[in-house]
C-alpha atoms as a PDB file:
ATOM      1  CA  UNK A   1      -4.573  42.478  80.612  1.00  0.00           C
ATOM      2  CA  UNK A   2      -5.690  40.099  77.657  1.00  0.00           C
ATOM      3  CA  UNK A   3      -4.195  42.180  74.812  1.00  0.00           C
ATOM      4  CA  UNK A   4      -1.917  44.691  73.589  1.00  0.00           C
ATOM      5  CA  UNK A   5      -2.295  46.583  70.470  1.00  0.00           C
ATOM      6  CA  UNK A   6       0.340  49.182  69.665  1.00  0.00           C
ATOM      7  CA  UNK A   7       0.039  51.540  72.274  1.00  0.00           C
ATOM      8  CA  UNK A   8      -3.169  50.288  73.480  1.00  0.00           C
ATOM      9  CA  UNK A   9      -3.781  47.691  76.286  1.00  0.00           C
ATOM     10  CA  UNK A  10      -7.001  45.757  76.572  1.00  0.00           C
ATOM     11  CA  UNK A  11      -8.350  44.458  80.122  1.00  0.00           C
ATOM     12  CA  UNK A  12     -11.153  42.070  80.781  1.00  0.00           C
ATOM     13  CA  UNK A  13     -12.741  42.875  84.168  1.00  0.00           C
ATOM     14  CA  UNK A  14     -16.171  42.359  85.810  1.00  0.00           C
ATOM     15  CA  UNK A  15     -18.331  45.330  85.663  1.00  0.00           C
ATOM     16  CA  UNK A  16     -18.333  45.717  89.615  1.00  0.00           C
ATOM     17  CA  UNK A  17     -14.391  46.197  89.408  1.00  0.00           C
ATOM     18  CA  UNK A  18     -14.186  48.783  86.927  1.00  0.00           C
ATOM     19  CA  UNK A  19     -14.537  51.899  89.091  1.00  0.00           C
ATOM     20  CA  UNK A  20     -11.579  50.391  91.298  1.00  0.00           C
ATOM     21  CA  UNK A  21      -9.414  49.338  88.314  1.00  0.00           C
ATOM     22  CA  UNK A  22      -9.507  52.289  85.927  1.00  0.00           C
ATOM     23  CA  UNK A  23      -7.918  54.900  88.092  1.00  0.00           C
ATOM     24  CA  UNK A  24      -5.190  52.122  89.441  1.00  0.00           C
ATOM     25  CA  UNK A  25      -4.425  51.181  85.774  1.00  0.00           C
ATOM     26  CA  UNK A  26      -4.194  54.854  84.555  1.00  0.00           C
ATOM     27  CA  UNK A  27      -1.976  55.809  87.623  1.00  0.00           C
ATOM     28  CA  UNK A  28       0.396  52.657  86.805  1.00  0.00           C
ATOM     29  CA  UNK A  29       0.711  53.557  83.284  1.00  0.00           C
ATOM     30  CA  UNK A  30       1.363  57.241  83.670  1.00  0.00           C
ATOM     31  CA  UNK A  31       4.240  56.388  86.470  1.00  0.00           C
ATOM     32  CA  UNK A  32       5.710  53.358  85.107  1.00  0.00           C
ATOM     33  CA  UNK A  33       9.114  55.227  83.936  1.00  0.00           C
ATOM     34  CA  UNK A  34      10.717  58.335  85.332  1.00  0.00           C
ATOM     35  CA  UNK A  35      10.522  60.752  82.542  1.00  0.00           C
ATOM     36  CA  UNK A  36      11.209  64.613  82.079  1.00  0.00           C
ATOM     37  CA  UNK A  37       7.756  64.868  80.126  1.00  0.00           C
ATOM     38  CA  UNK A  38       4.593  64.113  81.377  1.00  0.00           C
ATOM     39  CA  UNK A  39       2.708  60.800  80.141  1.00  0.00           C
ATOM     40  CA  UNK A  40      -0.873  60.872  79.752  1.00  0.00           C
ATOM     41  CA  UNK A  41      -2.950  57.758  79.685  1.00  0.00           C
ATOM     42  CA  UNK A  42      -6.509  57.702  78.595  1.00  0.00           C
ATOM     43  CA  UNK A  43      -9.165  55.162  79.476  1.00  0.00           C
ATOM     44  CA  UNK A  44     -12.419  53.863  77.990  1.00  0.00           C
ATOM     45  CA  UNK A  45     -14.898  51.230  78.794  1.00  0.00           C
ATOM     46  CA  UNK A  46     -17.013  49.324  76.651  1.00  0.00           C
ATOM     47  CA  UNK A  47     -18.425  45.777  75.778  1.00  0.00           C
ATOM     48  CA  UNK A  48     -15.867  45.600  72.787  1.00  0.00           C
ATOM     49  CA  UNK A  49     -12.894  47.492  71.812  1.00  0.00           C
ATOM     50  CA  UNK A  50     -14.552  49.705  69.317  1.00  0.00           C
ATOM     51  CA  UNK A  51     -17.175  51.048  72.123  1.00  0.00           C
ATOM     52  CA  UNK A  52     -14.264  51.684  74.615  1.00  0.00           C
ATOM     53  CA  UNK A  53     -13.137  54.484  72.459  1.00  0.00           C
END
């Protein structure tokens, strides 16, 4: 992780690792705390922050 902006996390990863990292990060974010409501994390990939949205 290289940056946190409000409720978003920015990661820098090699393109060959994205397929493995994306579901792993999503699962960790959604299960970080035991809550009574579901937590849904969305992911995006791009060459910059705007493209990842």
